[in-house]
N, C-alpha and C. Protein backbone atom coordinates (compact mmCIF):
# COMPACT_ATOMS: atom_id res chain seq x y z
N MET A 1 10.36 -23.48 9.03
CA MET A 1 9.96 -22.44 10.36
C MET A 1 9.71 -21.52 9.56
N THR A 2 8.35 -20.76 10.26
CA THR A 2 8.81 -19.39 9.72
C THR A 2 9.38 -18.66 11.27
N ASN A 3 10.43 -17.86 10.64
CA ASN A 3 11.26 -16.97 11.60
C ASN A 3 11.23 -15.36 11.26
N ILE A 4 11.17 -15.03 12.43
CA ILE A 4 10.91 -13.57 12.25
C ILE A 4 11.79 -12.66 12.67
N GLU A 5 12.10 -11.74 11.74
CA GLU A 5 13.23 -10.81 12.33
C GLU A 5 13.40 -9.26 11.29
N ILE A 6 13.94 -8.49 12.18
CA ILE A 6 13.98 -7.11 11.34
C ILE A 6 14.95 -7.28 10.21
N VAL A 7 14.51 -6.62 9.11
CA VAL A 7 15.22 -6.90 7.90
C VAL A 7 15.54 -5.24 7.64
N THR A 8 17.48 -5.09 7.01
CA THR A 8 17.42 -3.83 6.61
C THR A 8 18.50 -4.11 5.43
N ASN A 9 18.63 -5.38 4.68
CA ASN A 9 19.25 -5.70 3.85
C ASN A 9 18.53 -4.93 2.68
N ARG A 10 18.80 -3.81 1.43
CA ARG A 10 18.14 -3.59 0.82
C ARG A 10 17.32 -4.18 -0.59
N GLN A 11 18.16 -5.28 -1.07
CA GLN A 11 17.82 -5.95 -1.99
C GLN A 11 15.86 -6.72 -1.18
N CYS A 12 16.47 -6.93 -0.12
CA CYS A 12 14.95 -7.66 0.94
C CYS A 12 13.92 -6.50 0.97
N LEU A 13 14.56 -5.69 1.21
CA LEU A 13 13.23 -4.66 1.77
C LEU A 13 12.71 -4.31 0.34
N ASP A 14 13.15 -4.55 -0.83
CA ASP A 14 12.81 -4.40 -2.29
C ASP A 14 11.73 -5.25 -2.52
N ARG A 15 11.97 -6.32 -2.33
CA ARG A 15 11.30 -7.91 -2.26
C ARG A 15 10.44 -7.80 -1.47
N VAL A 16 10.18 -6.85 0.00
CA VAL A 16 9.00 -7.04 1.06
C VAL A 16 7.94 -6.34 0.09
N TYR A 17 8.60 -4.77 -0.54
CA TYR A 17 7.91 -4.18 -0.60
C TYR A 17 6.81 -4.62 -1.65
N GLN A 18 7.43 -5.09 -2.88
CA GLN A 18 6.78 -5.76 -4.14
C GLN A 18 5.97 -6.60 -3.76
N GLU A 19 6.60 -7.75 -2.91
CA GLU A 19 5.91 -9.07 -3.18
C GLU A 19 4.34 -9.00 -1.70
N LEU A 20 4.67 -8.16 -0.72
CA LEU A 20 3.83 -7.97 0.23
C LEU A 20 2.92 -6.87 0.43
N ILE A 21 3.47 -5.22 0.76
CA ILE A 21 3.21 -4.07 0.81
C ILE A 21 2.37 -3.77 0.13
N GLU A 22 3.12 -3.54 -1.71
CA GLU A 22 2.56 -3.04 -2.72
C GLU A 22 1.30 -3.45 -2.70
N PRO A 23 1.24 -4.85 -3.11
CA PRO A 23 -0.19 -5.75 -3.27
C PRO A 23 -1.51 -5.49 -2.70
N ASP A 24 -1.13 -5.02 -0.97
CA ASP A 24 -2.14 -5.22 0.04
C ASP A 24 -2.76 -3.72 0.51
N PHE A 25 -2.08 -3.00 -0.02
CA PHE A 25 -2.65 -1.48 0.07
C PHE A 25 -3.06 -0.69 -0.87
N PRO A 26 -4.06 0.09 -0.59
CA PRO A 26 -4.55 0.76 -1.96
C PRO A 26 -3.34 1.96 -2.18
N PRO A 27 -3.44 2.34 -3.44
CA PRO A 27 -2.00 3.41 -3.62
C PRO A 27 -2.28 4.62 -2.59
N GLU A 28 -3.19 5.56 -2.38
CA GLU A 28 -3.38 6.61 -1.73
C GLU A 28 -2.74 6.73 -0.15
N GLU A 29 -2.49 5.06 0.20
CA GLU A 29 -1.99 4.87 1.07
C GLU A 29 -0.56 4.62 1.38
N LEU A 30 -0.10 4.43 0.44
CA LEU A 30 1.51 3.71 -0.56
C LEU A 30 2.64 4.80 -0.01
N ILE A 31 3.21 4.50 1.06
CA ILE A 31 4.69 5.69 0.39
C ILE A 31 5.69 4.72 -0.51
N SER A 32 6.07 5.27 -1.39
CA SER A 32 7.11 4.78 -2.53
C SER A 32 7.93 3.91 -1.88
N ALA A 33 8.64 2.80 -2.88
CA ALA A 33 9.67 1.94 -2.49
C ALA A 33 10.67 2.67 -1.59
N PRO A 34 11.71 3.59 -2.76
CA PRO A 34 12.90 3.96 -1.66
C PRO A 34 12.34 4.54 -0.63
N ASP A 35 11.33 5.43 -0.64
CA ASP A 35 11.14 5.82 0.70
C ASP A 35 11.13 4.87 1.72
N PHE A 36 10.14 3.77 1.40
CA PHE A 36 10.17 2.68 2.76
C PHE A 36 11.49 2.29 2.90
N ALA A 37 12.48 1.96 1.73
CA ALA A 37 13.79 1.45 1.91
C ALA A 37 15.10 1.92 2.91
N ARG A 38 14.31 3.82 2.40
CA ARG A 38 15.06 4.61 3.51
C ARG A 38 14.95 4.75 4.91
N LEU A 39 13.55 5.13 5.08
CA LEU A 39 13.53 5.21 6.34
C LEU A 39 13.39 3.64 6.83
N CYS A 40 13.58 2.94 6.75
CA CYS A 40 14.05 1.59 7.21
C CYS A 40 15.75 1.45 7.48
N ALA A 41 16.41 2.15 6.54
CA ALA A 41 17.52 2.25 6.61
C ALA A 41 18.33 3.10 7.68
N ASN A 42 17.47 4.33 7.70
CA ASN A 42 18.06 5.84 9.18
C ASN A 42 17.27 5.12 10.14
N GLY A 43 16.53 4.22 10.34
CA GLY A 43 15.73 3.66 11.55
C GLY A 43 14.45 4.17 12.37
N THR A 44 13.75 5.07 11.35
CA THR A 44 12.71 6.13 11.31
C THR A 44 11.48 4.82 11.15
N MET A 45 11.75 3.70 10.66
CA MET A 45 11.07 2.91 10.29
C MET A 45 11.56 1.37 10.52
N SER A 46 10.76 0.21 10.99
CA SER A 46 12.03 -1.23 10.74
C SER A 46 11.10 -1.97 10.16
N ALA A 47 10.98 -2.72 9.58
CA ALA A 47 9.90 -4.24 9.35
C ALA A 47 10.49 -5.48 9.71
N LEU A 48 9.60 -6.14 10.60
CA LEU A 48 9.65 -7.20 10.96
C LEU A 48 9.26 -8.26 9.54
N VAL A 49 9.89 -9.29 9.15
CA VAL A 49 9.57 -9.67 8.26
C VAL A 49 9.49 -11.42 8.49
N ALA A 50 8.25 -12.31 7.86
CA ALA A 50 8.19 -13.55 8.83
C ALA A 50 8.34 -14.29 7.21
N GLU A 51 9.63 -15.32 7.58
CA GLU A 51 10.02 -15.81 6.53
C GLU A 51 10.34 -17.24 6.73
N GLU A 52 10.16 -18.48 5.70
CA GLU A 52 10.81 -19.63 5.78
C GLU A 52 11.81 -19.66 4.42
N GLY A 53 13.00 -20.08 4.72
CA GLY A 53 13.46 -20.26 3.96
C GLY A 53 13.79 -19.07 2.97
N PRO A 54 13.73 -18.70 1.47
CA PRO A 54 13.59 -17.93 0.62
C PRO A 54 12.21 -17.29 0.50
N ALA A 55 11.04 -18.21 1.07
CA ALA A 55 9.73 -17.30 0.64
C ALA A 55 9.50 -16.04 2.04
N LEU A 56 9.23 -14.87 1.15
CA LEU A 56 8.41 -14.10 2.51
C LEU A 56 7.14 -14.29 2.75
N GLN A 57 6.75 -15.01 4.00
CA GLN A 57 5.35 -15.15 3.82
C GLN A 57 4.84 -13.53 4.54
N GLY A 58 5.06 -12.75 5.31
CA GLY A 58 4.28 -11.49 5.70
C GLY A 58 5.50 -10.52 6.55
N VAL A 59 4.88 -9.10 6.60
CA VAL A 59 5.56 -8.08 7.07
C VAL A 59 4.80 -7.37 7.86
N ALA A 60 5.96 -6.89 9.11
CA ALA A 60 5.17 -6.01 9.70
C ALA A 60 5.75 -4.46 10.31
N VAL A 61 5.64 -3.33 9.73
CA VAL A 61 6.20 -2.39 9.84
C VAL A 61 5.87 -1.18 10.89
N LEU A 62 6.53 -0.86 11.40
CA LEU A 62 6.79 -0.37 12.82
C LEU A 62 7.52 1.42 12.29
N GLU A 63 6.49 2.26 12.84
CA GLU A 63 7.05 3.80 12.45
C GLU A 63 7.23 3.78 13.80
N TYR A 64 8.49 4.78 14.56
CA TYR A 64 8.87 6.09 15.64
C TYR A 64 9.01 7.25 15.67
N HIS A 65 7.79 7.52 16.40
CA HIS A 65 7.02 8.71 16.22
C HIS A 65 7.28 9.67 17.62
N ALA A 66 7.53 10.64 17.06
CA ALA A 66 6.79 11.62 19.19
C ALA A 66 5.98 11.05 19.98
N GLY A 67 6.20 11.38 20.99
CA GLY A 67 5.18 11.48 22.31
C GLY A 67 5.16 9.58 22.72
N ASN A 68 6.74 9.08 21.97
CA ASN A 68 6.98 7.85 22.91
C ASN A 68 6.02 6.87 22.20
N ILE A 69 5.33 7.00 20.65
CA ILE A 69 4.49 6.47 19.93
C ILE A 69 5.24 5.49 18.73
N ASP A 70 5.17 4.36 18.84
CA ASP A 70 5.29 3.32 17.72
C ASP A 70 3.71 3.15 16.66
N LEU A 71 4.43 3.40 15.46
CA LEU A 71 2.55 3.09 14.70
C LEU A 71 2.90 1.94 14.09
N LEU A 72 2.11 1.11 14.00
CA LEU A 72 2.42 -0.10 13.08
C LEU A 72 1.42 0.45 12.00
N ALA A 73 2.66 0.90 10.65
CA ALA A 73 2.10 1.61 9.35
C ALA A 73 1.83 0.58 8.43
N TYR A 74 1.98 -0.42 8.26
CA TYR A 74 2.00 -1.36 7.37
C TYR A 74 2.17 -3.26 8.30
N LEU A 75 0.99 -3.83 8.18
CA LEU A 75 0.59 -5.76 8.10
C LEU A 75 0.41 -6.24 7.20
N ALA A 76 0.86 -7.39 6.36
CA ALA A 76 0.71 -7.54 5.49
C ALA A 76 1.50 -9.04 5.37
N VAL A 77 0.58 -9.94 4.73
CA VAL A 77 0.30 -11.38 4.90
C VAL A 77 0.45 -12.08 3.33
N GLY A 78 1.22 -12.67 2.43
CA GLY A 78 0.88 -12.94 1.73
C GLY A 78 0.15 -13.63 1.25
N SER A 79 -0.77 -13.79 0.00
CA SER A 79 -1.90 -14.35 -0.43
C SER A 79 -1.52 -16.18 0.05
N ALA A 80 -0.08 -16.56 -0.31
CA ALA A 80 -0.17 -18.55 -0.12
C ALA A 80 0.01 -18.43 1.05
N TYR A 81 -0.21 -17.65 2.54
CA TYR A 81 -0.04 -17.87 3.58
C TYR A 81 -1.02 -17.49 4.40
N ARG A 82 -2.14 -16.78 3.99
CA ARG A 82 -3.15 -16.44 4.92
C ARG A 82 -3.81 -17.56 5.33
N SER A 83 -4.35 -17.38 6.94
CA SER A 83 -4.67 -18.53 7.73
C SER A 83 -3.97 -19.82 8.08
N GLU A 84 -2.77 -18.93 8.22
CA GLU A 84 -1.85 -19.95 8.49
C GLU A 84 -0.89 -19.59 10.02
N GLY A 85 -1.70 -18.53 10.44
CA GLY A 85 -1.30 -17.35 11.64
C GLY A 85 0.04 -16.73 11.89
N ILE A 86 0.59 -16.41 10.85
CA ILE A 86 1.30 -15.63 10.22
C ILE A 86 0.82 -13.90 10.63
N GLY A 87 -0.28 -13.83 10.54
CA GLY A 87 -0.73 -12.46 10.88
C GLY A 87 -0.21 -12.89 12.39
N THR A 88 -0.41 -13.42 13.21
CA THR A 88 -0.65 -13.32 14.68
C THR A 88 0.58 -13.63 14.95
N LYS A 89 1.42 -14.19 14.26
CA LYS A 89 2.87 -13.99 15.38
C LYS A 89 3.68 -12.66 14.40
N LEU A 90 3.38 -12.05 13.93
CA LEU A 90 3.95 -10.85 13.43
C LEU A 90 3.54 -10.19 14.47
N MET A 91 1.99 -10.17 14.49
CA MET A 91 1.78 -8.88 15.72
C MET A 91 2.27 -9.02 17.46
N THR A 92 2.40 -10.54 17.52
CA THR A 92 3.34 -11.16 18.72
C THR A 92 4.45 -10.40 18.86
N ALA A 93 4.67 -10.25 17.80
CA ALA A 93 6.38 -10.14 18.13
C ALA A 93 6.35 -8.21 17.86
N VAL A 94 5.70 -7.61 17.64
CA VAL A 94 5.51 -6.31 17.33
C VAL A 94 5.00 -5.66 18.70
N CYS A 95 4.23 -6.29 19.46
CA CYS A 95 3.86 -6.06 21.08
C CYS A 95 5.43 -6.25 21.49
N ALA A 96 5.76 -7.27 21.57
CA ALA A 96 6.89 -7.69 22.04
C ALA A 96 8.09 -6.81 22.17
N GLN A 97 8.19 -6.06 20.65
CA GLN A 97 8.99 -5.19 20.38
C GLN A 97 9.04 -3.95 21.01
N ALA A 98 7.62 -3.25 20.83
CA ALA A 98 7.34 -2.41 21.23
C ALA A 98 7.45 -2.46 22.80
N ALA A 99 6.47 -3.43 23.93
CA ALA A 99 6.87 -3.35 25.45
C ALA A 99 8.30 -3.25 25.12
N GLY A 100 9.28 -3.87 24.79
CA GLY A 100 10.53 -3.68 25.07
C GLY A 100 11.13 -2.59 24.96
N ARG A 101 10.84 -1.79 24.20
CA ARG A 101 10.90 -0.15 23.74
C ARG A 101 10.36 0.88 25.10
N GLY A 102 9.56 0.06 26.01
CA GLY A 102 8.88 0.59 27.46
C GLY A 102 7.33 1.10 26.92
N ARG A 103 6.94 0.69 25.53
CA ARG A 103 5.03 1.35 24.82
C ARG A 103 4.04 0.53 25.85
N ARG A 104 3.23 1.48 26.20
CA ARG A 104 2.12 0.73 26.78
C ARG A 104 1.37 -0.08 25.09
N PHE A 105 1.43 0.87 24.26
CA PHE A 105 0.74 0.60 23.10
C PHE A 105 0.94 0.83 22.16
N VAL A 106 0.80 0.16 20.72
CA VAL A 106 1.01 0.57 19.33
C VAL A 106 -0.07 1.36 19.12
N LEU A 107 -0.26 1.66 18.22
CA LEU A 107 -1.06 2.88 17.34
C LEU A 107 -1.19 2.22 16.12
N ALA A 108 -2.35 2.04 15.24
CA ALA A 108 -2.47 1.63 14.18
C ALA A 108 -3.79 2.41 13.43
N GLU A 109 -4.04 2.07 12.25
CA GLU A 109 -4.98 2.95 11.22
C GLU A 109 -5.43 1.76 10.76
N ILE A 110 -6.81 1.78 10.83
CA ILE A 110 -7.83 0.59 9.93
C ILE A 110 -8.82 1.60 9.32
N GLU A 111 -9.36 1.03 8.16
CA GLU A 111 -10.54 1.74 7.65
C GLU A 111 -11.85 2.50 8.52
N THR A 112 -12.28 3.55 8.33
CA THR A 112 -13.50 3.93 9.10
C THR A 112 -14.46 2.92 8.45
N PRO A 113 -15.37 3.40 9.75
CA PRO A 113 -16.53 2.21 9.54
C PRO A 113 -17.69 2.71 8.75
N GLY A 114 -18.49 1.81 7.64
CA GLY A 114 -18.96 1.86 6.99
C GLY A 114 -18.47 2.37 5.46
N THR A 115 -16.86 2.52 5.27
CA THR A 115 -16.31 3.08 4.08
C THR A 115 -15.57 2.26 2.69
N HIS A 116 -15.27 0.76 3.73
CA HIS A 116 -14.75 0.33 2.82
C HIS A 116 -15.60 -0.92 2.71
N HIS A 117 -15.98 -2.07 1.89
CA HIS A 117 -16.02 -2.69 2.10
C HIS A 117 -15.20 -3.94 1.34
N GLU A 118 -15.90 -5.34 1.66
CA GLU A 118 -14.98 -6.42 1.06
C GLU A 118 -14.49 -6.63 -0.06
N THR A 119 -13.15 -6.38 -0.40
CA THR A 119 -12.69 -6.20 -1.96
C THR A 119 -11.73 -7.60 -1.91
N PRO A 120 -11.74 -8.00 -3.32
CA PRO A 120 -11.17 -9.08 -3.80
C PRO A 120 -9.29 -8.73 -3.55
N ILE A 121 -8.87 -7.88 -3.52
CA ILE A 121 -7.67 -7.30 -3.59
C ILE A 121 -7.27 -6.70 -1.97
N PHE A 122 -7.78 -6.22 -1.48
CA PHE A 122 -8.16 -5.37 -0.10
C PHE A 122 -8.18 -5.96 1.01
N GLY A 123 -9.21 -6.86 0.95
CA GLY A 123 -9.74 -7.49 1.54
C GLY A 123 -10.96 -6.77 2.58
N ASP A 124 -11.60 -6.96 3.66
CA ASP A 124 -12.92 -6.90 4.45
C ASP A 124 -12.17 -6.15 5.62
N ALA A 125 -12.48 -4.75 5.88
CA ALA A 125 -12.57 -3.90 6.83
C ALA A 125 -12.98 -4.91 8.53
N ASP A 126 -14.39 -4.99 8.24
CA ASP A 126 -14.20 -5.35 9.33
C ASP A 126 -13.92 -6.59 9.97
N ARG A 127 -13.23 -7.65 8.84
CA ARG A 127 -12.28 -8.79 9.21
C ARG A 127 -11.22 -7.92 10.32
N ARG A 128 -10.46 -7.33 10.13
CA ARG A 128 -9.31 -6.70 9.94
C ARG A 128 -9.90 -5.66 11.20
N ALA A 129 -10.95 -5.20 11.83
CA ALA A 129 -10.83 -4.60 12.79
C ALA A 129 -10.97 -6.07 13.83
N ALA A 130 -11.12 -6.82 13.50
CA ALA A 130 -11.64 -8.54 14.48
C ALA A 130 -10.69 -8.85 14.46
N PHE A 131 -9.50 -9.03 13.50
CA PHE A 131 -8.20 -9.11 14.18
C PHE A 131 -7.45 -8.66 15.06
N TYR A 132 -7.50 -7.20 14.92
CA TYR A 132 -6.83 -5.90 16.31
C TYR A 132 -7.62 -6.27 17.16
N ARG A 133 -8.77 -6.47 17.47
CA ARG A 133 -9.95 -6.65 18.65
C ARG A 133 -9.10 -7.98 19.61
N ARG A 134 -8.71 -9.02 19.04
CA ARG A 134 -8.48 -10.16 19.52
C ARG A 134 -7.19 -9.93 19.97
N PHE A 135 -6.61 -8.91 20.29
CA PHE A 135 -5.08 -7.99 20.23
C PHE A 135 -5.53 -7.21 21.78
N GLY A 136 -6.74 -6.83 21.90
CA GLY A 136 -7.21 -6.27 22.95
C GLY A 136 -6.80 -4.80 22.65
N ALA A 137 -7.53 -4.29 20.81
CA ALA A 137 -7.84 -2.86 20.34
C ALA A 137 -8.48 -2.17 20.03
N LYS A 138 -8.47 -1.19 20.89
CA LYS A 138 -9.72 -0.26 21.08
C LYS A 138 -9.77 1.08 20.33
N ALA A 139 -10.74 1.76 19.86
CA ALA A 139 -10.89 2.87 18.73
C ALA A 139 -10.56 3.57 19.51
N ILE A 140 -9.70 4.84 18.83
CA ILE A 140 -9.54 6.34 19.73
C ILE A 140 -10.70 7.11 19.27
N ASP A 141 -11.22 7.68 20.45
CA ASP A 141 -12.17 8.79 20.31
C ASP A 141 -11.64 10.38 19.44
N VAL A 142 -11.11 10.43 18.06
CA VAL A 142 -10.84 11.12 17.60
C VAL A 142 -10.80 11.06 16.33
N ARG A 143 -11.30 12.53 15.77
CA ARG A 143 -10.78 12.11 14.04
C ARG A 143 -9.29 12.18 13.79
N HIS A 144 -8.86 11.43 13.04
CA HIS A 144 -7.57 11.29 12.09
C HIS A 144 -7.60 10.61 11.01
N TRP A 145 -6.72 11.13 10.29
CA TRP A 145 -6.06 11.19 8.75
C TRP A 145 -4.92 10.68 9.00
N GLN A 146 -4.66 9.68 7.66
CA GLN A 146 -2.94 9.53 7.02
C GLN A 146 -2.71 10.80 6.49
N PRO A 147 -1.58 11.31 6.43
CA PRO A 147 -0.86 12.54 6.29
C PRO A 147 -0.78 11.56 4.34
N ALA A 148 -0.99 13.06 3.13
CA ALA A 148 -0.83 12.45 2.19
C ALA A 148 0.31 11.85 1.62
N VAL A 149 0.85 11.06 1.31
CA VAL A 149 2.15 9.84 1.02
C VAL A 149 3.01 10.66 -0.48
N SER A 150 2.08 11.52 -1.08
CA SER A 150 2.93 11.96 -2.13
C SER A 150 2.30 13.55 -2.25
N PRO A 151 2.97 14.57 -2.98
CA PRO A 151 2.63 15.74 -3.25
C PRO A 151 1.13 16.00 -4.56
N THR A 152 0.85 14.34 -4.99
CA THR A 152 -0.18 14.73 -5.96
C THR A 152 -1.46 13.89 -4.95
N SER A 153 -1.30 13.10 -3.54
CA SER A 153 -2.30 12.42 -3.34
C SER A 153 -2.93 13.56 -2.30
N LYS A 154 -4.24 12.91 -1.53
CA LYS A 154 -4.56 13.51 -0.51
C LYS A 154 -4.74 12.69 0.29
N PRO A 155 -5.36 13.14 2.08
CA PRO A 155 -4.84 12.49 3.12
C PRO A 155 -5.92 11.36 3.58
N VAL A 156 -5.85 10.62 3.46
CA VAL A 156 -6.70 9.44 3.92
C VAL A 156 -7.56 9.41 5.48
N ASN A 157 -8.89 9.57 5.64
CA ASN A 157 -9.39 9.86 6.97
C ASN A 157 -9.84 7.83 6.99
N LEU A 158 -8.81 8.12 8.17
CA LEU A 158 -8.61 6.68 8.52
C LEU A 158 -9.52 6.53 10.31
N LYS A 159 -9.26 5.08 11.01
CA LYS A 159 -9.77 5.20 12.35
C LYS A 159 -8.41 4.62 13.20
N LEU A 160 -7.76 5.15 14.23
CA LEU A 160 -6.60 5.69 14.41
C LEU A 160 -7.63 4.21 16.18
N ILE A 161 -6.72 3.39 16.17
CA ILE A 161 -6.60 2.41 17.04
C ILE A 161 -5.44 2.16 17.94
N ALA A 162 -5.71 1.51 19.59
CA ALA A 162 -4.70 1.62 20.18
C ALA A 162 -4.43 -0.06 20.53
N ILE A 163 -3.50 -1.10 20.34
CA ILE A 163 -3.28 -1.53 21.11
C ILE A 163 -2.22 -2.17 21.93
N PRO A 164 -2.89 -2.30 22.91
CA PRO A 164 -1.97 -2.82 24.56
C PRO A 164 -0.62 -3.62 24.04
N THR A 165 0.54 -3.75 24.31
CA THR A 165 1.55 -4.80 24.29
C THR A 165 1.62 -5.65 25.26
N THR A 166 0.83 -5.32 26.84
CA THR A 166 0.67 -6.33 27.75
C THR A 166 -0.84 -6.54 27.73
N SER A 167 -0.72 -7.71 29.11
CA SER A 167 -1.85 -7.73 29.45
C SER A 167 -2.97 -6.89 29.79
N GLU A 168 -2.48 -5.44 30.32
CA GLU A 168 -2.54 -4.74 30.74
C GLU A 168 -4.18 -3.76 30.02
N ALA A 169 -5.43 -3.89 29.98
CA ALA A 169 -6.24 -3.20 29.43
C ALA A 169 -6.38 -1.87 29.38
N LEU A 170 -6.40 -1.51 28.00
CA LEU A 170 -6.27 0.11 27.82
C LEU A 170 -7.82 1.10 28.06
N THR A 171 -7.69 2.00 28.83
CA THR A 171 -9.30 2.56 28.90
C THR A 171 -8.91 3.81 28.79
N SER A 172 -7.92 4.26 28.24
CA SER A 172 -7.78 6.06 27.72
C SER A 172 -6.26 6.21 27.40
N ILE A 173 -5.73 7.35 26.93
CA ILE A 173 -4.38 7.60 26.23
C ILE A 173 -4.65 8.70 26.49
N ALA A 174 -2.98 9.45 27.22
CA ALA A 174 -2.89 11.08 27.19
C ALA A 174 -2.99 11.73 26.34
N SER A 175 -3.88 12.97 26.27
CA SER A 175 -4.11 13.54 25.22
C SER A 175 -3.18 14.57 24.51
N ASN A 176 -2.03 14.70 25.35
CA ASN A 176 -0.66 15.12 25.48
C ASN A 176 0.16 14.65 24.54
N GLN A 177 0.54 12.91 24.56
CA GLN A 177 0.50 12.49 23.99
C GLN A 177 0.26 11.90 22.21
N LEU A 178 -1.10 12.01 22.50
CA LEU A 178 -1.76 11.68 21.07
C LEU A 178 -1.67 13.18 19.95
N ARG A 179 -1.44 14.24 20.65
CA ARG A 179 -1.02 16.04 20.14
C ARG A 179 0.34 15.71 19.45
N ASP A 180 1.22 15.36 20.61
CA ASP A 180 2.25 15.78 20.11
C ASP A 180 2.47 14.33 18.41
N PHE A 181 2.23 13.42 18.89
CA PHE A 181 2.61 12.04 18.18
C PHE A 181 1.26 12.63 16.60
N GLU A 182 0.72 13.13 16.65
CA GLU A 182 -0.55 13.93 15.78
C GLU A 182 0.48 15.42 15.09
N ILE A 183 0.89 15.76 15.64
CA ILE A 183 1.96 17.04 14.93
C ILE A 183 3.04 17.19 14.54
N GLU A 184 4.10 15.80 14.83
CA GLU A 184 5.17 15.49 14.78
C GLU A 184 4.54 14.20 13.39
N TYR A 185 3.64 13.49 13.16
CA TYR A 185 3.08 12.99 11.83
C TYR A 185 2.79 13.61 10.78
N HIS A 186 2.24 14.54 10.78
CA HIS A 186 1.75 15.08 9.92
C HIS A 186 2.60 16.60 9.19
N GLY A 187 3.52 16.76 10.06
CA GLY A 187 4.33 17.83 9.73
C GLY A 187 4.21 19.01 9.24
N ASP A 188 3.33 19.23 9.13
CA ASP A 188 2.65 20.88 8.49
C ASP A 188 1.49 21.15 9.93
N PRO A 189 1.89 22.09 10.48
CA PRO A 189 1.44 22.89 11.75
C PRO A 189 0.43 23.71 11.04
N ASP A 190 -0.11 23.70 9.84
CA ASP A 190 -1.34 24.30 8.91
C ASP A 190 -2.14 23.59 8.68
N SER A 191 -1.95 22.47 8.42
CA SER A 191 -2.68 21.08 7.80
C SER A 191 -4.39 21.58 8.16
N GLU A 192 -5.38 21.37 7.44
CA GLU A 192 -6.62 21.41 7.63
C GLU A 192 -6.96 19.86 8.55
N VAL A 193 -7.01 19.15 8.50
CA VAL A 193 -7.25 17.56 8.87
C VAL A 193 -6.36 17.47 10.13
N LEU A 194 -5.48 18.37 10.20
CA LEU A 194 -4.57 18.08 11.39
C LEU A 194 -5.16 18.98 12.90
N ALA A 195 -5.87 20.32 11.80
CA ALA A 195 -6.38 20.94 12.66
C ALA A 195 -7.38 20.24 13.15
N SER A 196 -8.57 19.73 12.39
CA SER A 196 -9.69 19.00 13.02
C SER A 196 -9.20 18.31 14.35
N THR A 197 -7.80 17.57 14.18
CA THR A 197 -7.37 16.41 15.24
C THR A 197 -7.57 16.98 16.58
N LEU A 198 -6.50 17.89 16.24
CA LEU A 198 -5.95 18.96 17.73
C LEU A 198 -7.45 19.30 18.20
N SER A 199 -8.51 19.51 17.24
CA SER A 199 -9.74 20.46 18.09
C SER A 199 -10.29 19.15 18.69
N ASP A 200 -10.52 18.19 18.37
CA ASP A 200 -11.25 16.88 19.05
C ASP A 200 -9.98 16.59 20.65
N LEU A 201 -8.74 17.09 20.37
CA LEU A 201 -8.18 16.82 21.31
C LEU A 201 -7.94 18.04 22.93
N SER A 202 -8.65 18.90 21.82
CA SER A 202 -8.37 20.60 22.56
C SER A 202 -9.24 20.15 23.93
N GLY A 203 -8.52 20.43 25.61
CA GLY A 203 -9.45 20.55 26.49
C GLY A 203 -9.74 19.04 27.53
N ARG A 204 -8.94 18.62 27.01
CA ARG A 204 -8.82 17.08 27.39
C ARG A 204 -7.37 16.86 27.88
N ASP A 205 -8.02 15.85 29.08
CA ASP A 205 -6.60 15.19 29.86
C ASP A 205 -6.28 14.31 29.32
N ASP A 206 -7.33 12.91 29.04
CA ASP A 206 -7.38 11.96 28.76
C ASP A 206 -8.32 11.66 27.64
N VAL A 207 -8.09 11.06 26.68
CA VAL A 207 -8.65 10.57 25.33
C VAL A 207 -9.59 9.02 25.98
N PRO A 208 -11.05 8.69 25.85
CA PRO A 208 -11.73 7.02 25.73
C PRO A 208 -11.40 6.97 25.04
N LEU A 209 -11.03 5.28 24.87
CA LEU A 209 -11.39 4.32 23.94
C LEU A 209 -12.31 3.28 23.78
N PHE A 210 -12.83 3.18 22.91
CA PHE A 210 -14.07 2.25 22.96
C PHE A 210 -13.89 0.64 22.28
N ASP A 211 -14.97 0.30 22.02
CA ASP A 211 -15.01 -1.39 21.79
C ASP A 211 -14.73 -1.46 20.29
N LEU A 212 -14.13 -2.12 19.16
CA LEU A 212 -14.08 -2.11 18.24
C LEU A 212 -15.61 -2.49 17.84
N ALA A 213 -16.43 -3.32 18.35
CA ALA A 213 -17.43 -3.71 18.11
C ALA A 213 -18.63 -2.82 17.91
N ASP A 214 -18.06 -1.54 18.56
CA ASP A 214 -19.36 -0.66 18.57
C ASP A 214 -19.91 -0.10 16.93
N GLN A 215 -18.66 -0.20 16.47
CA GLN A 215 -18.79 0.25 14.92
C GLN A 215 -18.35 -0.38 13.67
N TYR A 216 -18.17 -1.87 13.94
CA TYR A 216 -17.57 -2.31 13.32
C TYR A 216 -18.52 -3.57 12.86
N GLN A 217 -19.14 -4.67 11.96
CA GLN A 217 -19.52 -5.67 12.13
C GLN A 217 -18.72 -6.80 12.23
N LEU A 218 -18.53 -7.16 13.51
CA LEU A 218 -17.39 -7.89 13.76
C LEU A 218 -18.18 -9.45 13.90
N ARG A 219 -16.85 -10.25 13.67
CA ARG A 219 -17.52 -11.75 13.03
C ARG A 219 -15.75 -12.79 13.61
């Protein structure tokens, strides 16, 4: 039977990173293994791990940010456990945890439409969009970048999406909430990519959300 629990043990976190996270994401989107363990230890992140006995089946990593925002930083299912509902169980646990913290939604990042095609290693961006859409996810109408994960890497242009934590349908998000999140997330107030996002948020009270099917080839 699959159990899902928050893992804090360093040895297990190292296994989670090596077996689940590192194989599933491009290097430019990956923080280092020591940073992953450190952020989980200090409460900046939490790793919800699906496991059955000693086997690690999948993980959902949440980051806690300004603006009362929880960000789903990583969601990965081991190759031997795909199509077994592990991703659905993890997303259900993510939404339950976030709802318990009073969050109406969780943010996540996916590839921008048309920039990533299906690959044997990293999978299919459209399938990922379709997966999140089944949970009510909608795209946020702002330009967005994941900050550089190391001094030698560059920001990655991604699509920011909002996933409701309850049955409430989302139609918009307060721009001030997103602004607080983006500023804290980037850390560098002079970042050019942050400036473009803040420009999109300028003069708005609310930021509209739109159906992922408008941009992705969903199936």
